[in-house]
N, C-alpha and C. Protein backbone atom coordinates (compact mmCIF):
# COMPACT_ATOMS: atom_id res chain seq x y z
N MET A 1 17.64 -12.20 23.08
CA MET A 1 17.35 -12.58 24.43
C MET A 1 18.65 -12.61 25.21
N VAL A 2 18.61 -12.18 26.43
CA VAL A 2 19.75 -12.23 27.32
C VAL A 2 19.38 -13.13 28.47
N ASP A 3 20.13 -14.23 28.64
CA ASP A 3 19.79 -15.13 29.73
C ASP A 3 20.88 -15.23 30.79
N GLY A 4 22.02 -14.56 30.58
CA GLY A 4 23.07 -14.55 31.58
C GLY A 4 23.94 -15.79 31.57
N ILE A 5 23.56 -16.81 30.83
CA ILE A 5 24.36 -18.03 30.77
C ILE A 5 24.96 -18.20 29.39
N ARG A 6 24.12 -18.17 28.40
CA ARG A 6 24.57 -18.44 27.04
C ARG A 6 25.06 -17.20 26.31
N GLY A 7 24.85 -16.04 26.88
CA GLY A 7 25.32 -14.83 26.23
C GLY A 7 24.62 -13.60 26.73
N ARG A 8 25.21 -12.49 26.42
CA ARG A 8 24.65 -11.22 26.86
C ARG A 8 24.39 -10.28 25.69
N ASP A 9 24.41 -10.81 24.49
CA ASP A 9 24.19 -9.98 23.30
C ASP A 9 22.74 -10.10 22.86
N PHE A 10 22.14 -8.97 22.57
CA PHE A 10 20.78 -8.97 22.04
C PHE A 10 20.81 -9.39 20.58
N ALA A 11 19.77 -10.06 20.14
CA ALA A 11 19.67 -10.46 18.74
C ALA A 11 19.60 -9.21 17.89
N LYS A 12 20.29 -9.26 16.78
CA LYS A 12 20.29 -8.13 15.86
C LYS A 12 19.05 -8.17 14.98
N LYS A 13 18.43 -7.03 14.80
CA LYS A 13 17.26 -6.93 13.93
C LYS A 13 17.74 -6.96 12.49
N ALA A 14 17.07 -7.76 11.66
CA ALA A 14 17.46 -7.86 10.26
C ALA A 14 17.30 -6.51 9.58
N GLU A 15 18.28 -6.18 8.74
CA GLU A 15 18.20 -4.93 8.00
C GLU A 15 17.14 -5.04 6.92
N GLU A 16 16.43 -3.95 6.69
CA GLU A 16 15.39 -3.95 5.67
C GLU A 16 16.02 -3.84 4.29
N PRO A 17 15.44 -4.53 3.30
CA PRO A 17 16.00 -4.45 1.94
C PRO A 17 15.90 -3.03 1.40
N ALA A 18 16.92 -2.66 0.64
CA ALA A 18 16.95 -1.31 0.07
C ALA A 18 16.35 -1.33 -1.33
N GLY A 19 15.58 -0.32 -1.63
CA GLY A 19 15.08 -0.07 -2.97
C GLY A 19 14.45 -1.23 -3.70
N ASN A 20 15.15 -1.75 -4.72
CA ASN A 20 14.57 -2.73 -5.65
C ASN A 20 14.72 -4.18 -5.20
N GLU A 21 15.30 -4.44 -4.06
CA GLU A 21 15.51 -5.82 -3.63
C GLU A 21 14.16 -6.49 -3.36
N PRO A 22 14.02 -7.77 -3.72
CA PRO A 22 12.74 -8.45 -3.49
C PRO A 22 12.47 -8.61 -1.99
N GLN A 23 11.21 -8.52 -1.64
CA GLN A 23 10.81 -8.71 -0.25
C GLN A 23 10.84 -10.20 0.08
N LEU A 24 11.51 -10.55 1.15
CA LEU A 24 11.58 -11.95 1.57
C LEU A 24 10.46 -12.25 2.55
N ASP A 25 10.03 -13.49 2.55
CA ASP A 25 9.00 -13.93 3.49
C ASP A 25 9.59 -13.90 4.90
N PRO A 26 9.06 -13.09 5.80
CA PRO A 26 9.63 -12.99 7.15
C PRO A 26 9.49 -14.27 7.97
N LEU A 27 8.63 -15.19 7.55
CA LEU A 27 8.44 -16.43 8.28
C LEU A 27 9.15 -17.62 7.63
N ALA A 28 9.89 -17.37 6.55
CA ALA A 28 10.53 -18.47 5.83
C ALA A 28 11.53 -19.22 6.70
N ASP A 29 12.22 -18.54 7.60
CA ASP A 29 13.24 -19.20 8.40
C ASP A 29 12.66 -20.06 9.52
N VAL A 30 11.37 -19.96 9.78
CA VAL A 30 10.74 -20.78 10.82
C VAL A 30 9.66 -21.70 10.26
N ALA A 31 9.57 -21.79 8.94
CA ALA A 31 8.51 -22.59 8.32
C ALA A 31 8.63 -24.07 8.67
N ASP A 32 9.84 -24.54 8.95
CA ASP A 32 10.02 -25.97 9.24
C ASP A 32 10.15 -26.26 10.74
N ILE A 33 9.81 -25.30 11.58
CA ILE A 33 9.85 -25.51 13.03
C ILE A 33 8.53 -26.18 13.44
N PRO A 34 8.60 -27.35 14.05
CA PRO A 34 7.37 -28.04 14.43
C PRO A 34 6.69 -27.39 15.63
N SER A 35 5.39 -27.53 15.71
CA SER A 35 4.66 -27.07 16.89
C SER A 35 3.53 -28.05 17.17
N GLN A 36 3.19 -28.16 18.44
CA GLN A 36 2.10 -29.04 18.86
C GLN A 36 1.14 -28.25 19.73
N GLU A 37 -0.13 -28.46 19.53
CA GLU A 37 -1.13 -27.88 20.42
C GLU A 37 -1.46 -28.94 21.47
N LEU A 38 -1.26 -28.62 22.73
CA LEU A 38 -1.47 -29.57 23.81
C LEU A 38 -2.43 -28.98 24.85
N ARG A 39 -2.92 -29.82 25.74
CA ARG A 39 -3.82 -29.38 26.80
C ARG A 39 -3.35 -30.00 28.11
N ALA A 40 -3.20 -29.17 29.13
CA ALA A 40 -2.79 -29.65 30.45
C ALA A 40 -3.95 -30.42 31.07
N ALA A 41 -3.66 -31.63 31.50
CA ALA A 41 -4.65 -32.50 32.14
C ALA A 41 -5.91 -32.69 31.28
N GLY A 42 -5.78 -32.53 29.96
CA GLY A 42 -6.91 -32.72 29.07
C GLY A 42 -7.97 -31.62 29.15
N ASP A 43 -7.67 -30.54 29.85
CA ASP A 43 -8.62 -29.44 30.05
C ASP A 43 -8.55 -28.47 28.88
N ALA A 44 -9.67 -28.24 28.20
CA ALA A 44 -9.71 -27.35 27.03
C ALA A 44 -9.33 -25.92 27.38
N ASP A 45 -9.49 -25.52 28.63
CA ASP A 45 -9.13 -24.16 29.05
C ASP A 45 -7.66 -24.02 29.41
N LYS A 46 -6.92 -25.11 29.35
CA LYS A 46 -5.49 -25.08 29.68
C LYS A 46 -4.66 -25.48 28.46
N ARG A 47 -4.91 -24.77 27.37
CA ARG A 47 -4.26 -25.05 26.11
C ARG A 47 -2.91 -24.36 26.04
N TYR A 48 -1.92 -25.06 25.48
CA TYR A 48 -0.62 -24.44 25.26
C TYR A 48 0.00 -25.04 24.00
N PHE A 49 1.03 -24.37 23.50
CA PHE A 49 1.70 -24.80 22.29
C PHE A 49 3.16 -25.10 22.62
N LEU A 50 3.63 -26.25 22.20
CA LEU A 50 5.02 -26.63 22.35
C LEU A 50 5.66 -26.43 20.99
N ILE A 51 6.61 -25.52 20.90
CA ILE A 51 7.20 -25.13 19.62
C ILE A 51 8.67 -25.52 19.58
N GLY A 52 9.05 -26.25 18.49
CA GLY A 52 10.44 -26.63 18.26
C GLY A 52 10.88 -27.73 19.20
N PRO A 53 12.07 -28.17 19.10
CA PRO A 53 13.08 -27.86 18.09
C PRO A 53 12.85 -28.65 16.80
N LYS A 54 13.69 -28.39 15.80
CA LYS A 54 13.60 -29.15 14.56
C LYS A 54 13.86 -30.62 14.86
N LYS A 55 13.25 -31.49 14.07
CA LYS A 55 13.35 -32.93 14.32
C LYS A 55 14.79 -33.44 14.26
N GLU A 56 15.61 -32.88 13.38
CA GLU A 56 16.98 -33.35 13.23
C GLU A 56 17.96 -32.67 14.19
N ALA A 57 17.48 -31.77 15.03
CA ALA A 57 18.36 -31.04 15.95
C ALA A 57 18.87 -31.95 17.06
N LYS A 58 20.16 -31.81 17.36
CA LYS A 58 20.76 -32.55 18.46
C LYS A 58 20.64 -31.71 19.73
N PRO A 59 20.28 -32.30 20.84
CA PRO A 59 20.16 -31.53 22.09
C PRO A 59 21.51 -30.92 22.48
N PRO A 60 21.52 -29.67 22.96
CA PRO A 60 22.77 -29.07 23.40
C PRO A 60 23.27 -29.76 24.66
N THR A 61 24.59 -29.76 24.86
CA THR A 61 25.16 -30.45 26.01
C THR A 61 24.68 -29.86 27.33
N GLU A 62 24.40 -28.56 27.36
CA GLU A 62 23.91 -27.93 28.59
C GLU A 62 22.40 -28.02 28.75
N GLY A 63 21.73 -28.69 27.81
CA GLY A 63 20.28 -28.86 27.87
C GLY A 63 19.56 -27.69 27.22
N TYR A 64 18.29 -27.89 26.99
CA TYR A 64 17.46 -26.85 26.40
C TYR A 64 17.02 -25.86 27.47
N GLY A 65 16.80 -24.63 27.05
CA GLY A 65 16.20 -23.64 27.92
C GLY A 65 14.70 -23.63 27.70
N LEU A 66 14.00 -22.88 28.49
CA LEU A 66 12.55 -22.79 28.36
C LEU A 66 12.16 -21.33 28.27
N VAL A 67 11.36 -21.00 27.28
CA VAL A 67 10.82 -19.66 27.13
C VAL A 67 9.31 -19.79 27.22
N VAL A 68 8.70 -19.06 28.11
CA VAL A 68 7.24 -19.07 28.26
C VAL A 68 6.74 -17.73 27.73
N ILE A 69 5.87 -17.78 26.74
CA ILE A 69 5.29 -16.58 26.15
C ILE A 69 3.81 -16.58 26.49
N MET A 70 3.37 -15.53 27.11
CA MET A 70 1.96 -15.43 27.50
C MET A 70 1.34 -14.27 26.73
N PRO A 71 0.83 -14.56 25.52
CA PRO A 71 0.25 -13.49 24.71
C PRO A 71 -1.09 -13.04 25.26
N GLY A 72 -1.42 -11.82 24.93
CA GLY A 72 -2.74 -11.31 25.30
C GLY A 72 -3.75 -11.79 24.27
N GLY A 73 -4.88 -11.20 24.28
CA GLY A 73 -5.89 -11.55 23.30
C GLY A 73 -6.71 -12.76 23.72
N ASP A 74 -7.21 -13.46 22.71
CA ASP A 74 -8.13 -14.56 22.99
C ASP A 74 -7.44 -15.91 23.17
N GLY A 75 -6.12 -15.97 23.10
CA GLY A 75 -5.41 -17.22 23.30
C GLY A 75 -5.48 -18.15 22.11
N SER A 76 -5.82 -17.62 20.94
CA SER A 76 -5.96 -18.46 19.74
C SER A 76 -4.59 -18.84 19.19
N ALA A 77 -4.61 -19.75 18.24
CA ALA A 77 -3.38 -20.22 17.60
C ALA A 77 -2.78 -19.18 16.67
N ASP A 78 -3.37 -18.00 16.56
CA ASP A 78 -2.83 -16.95 15.71
C ASP A 78 -1.42 -16.55 16.10
N ILE A 79 -0.99 -16.85 17.33
CA ILE A 79 0.36 -16.50 17.74
C ILE A 79 1.40 -17.32 16.99
N LEU A 80 0.98 -18.42 16.36
CA LEU A 80 1.91 -19.27 15.62
C LEU A 80 2.20 -18.73 14.23
N SER A 81 1.47 -17.76 13.75
CA SER A 81 1.70 -17.26 12.40
C SER A 81 2.30 -15.88 12.40
């Protein structure tokens, strides 16, 4: 992500394992990231997910940023997996 404040470098895509190397779980690095399913004003049609940060994470001095992801499809929780 490029936000113009914290950096201008794109995240590097992980290299794929060569040949006989075991396949790693692609979700292992985010398995401990908390998420909450919430509803705006208690309305079932205004569902959203608040994801992260880890419980032991200290807030950055410049504050947290916000990323809004609006997936297509049926809006199910499948985006979390």
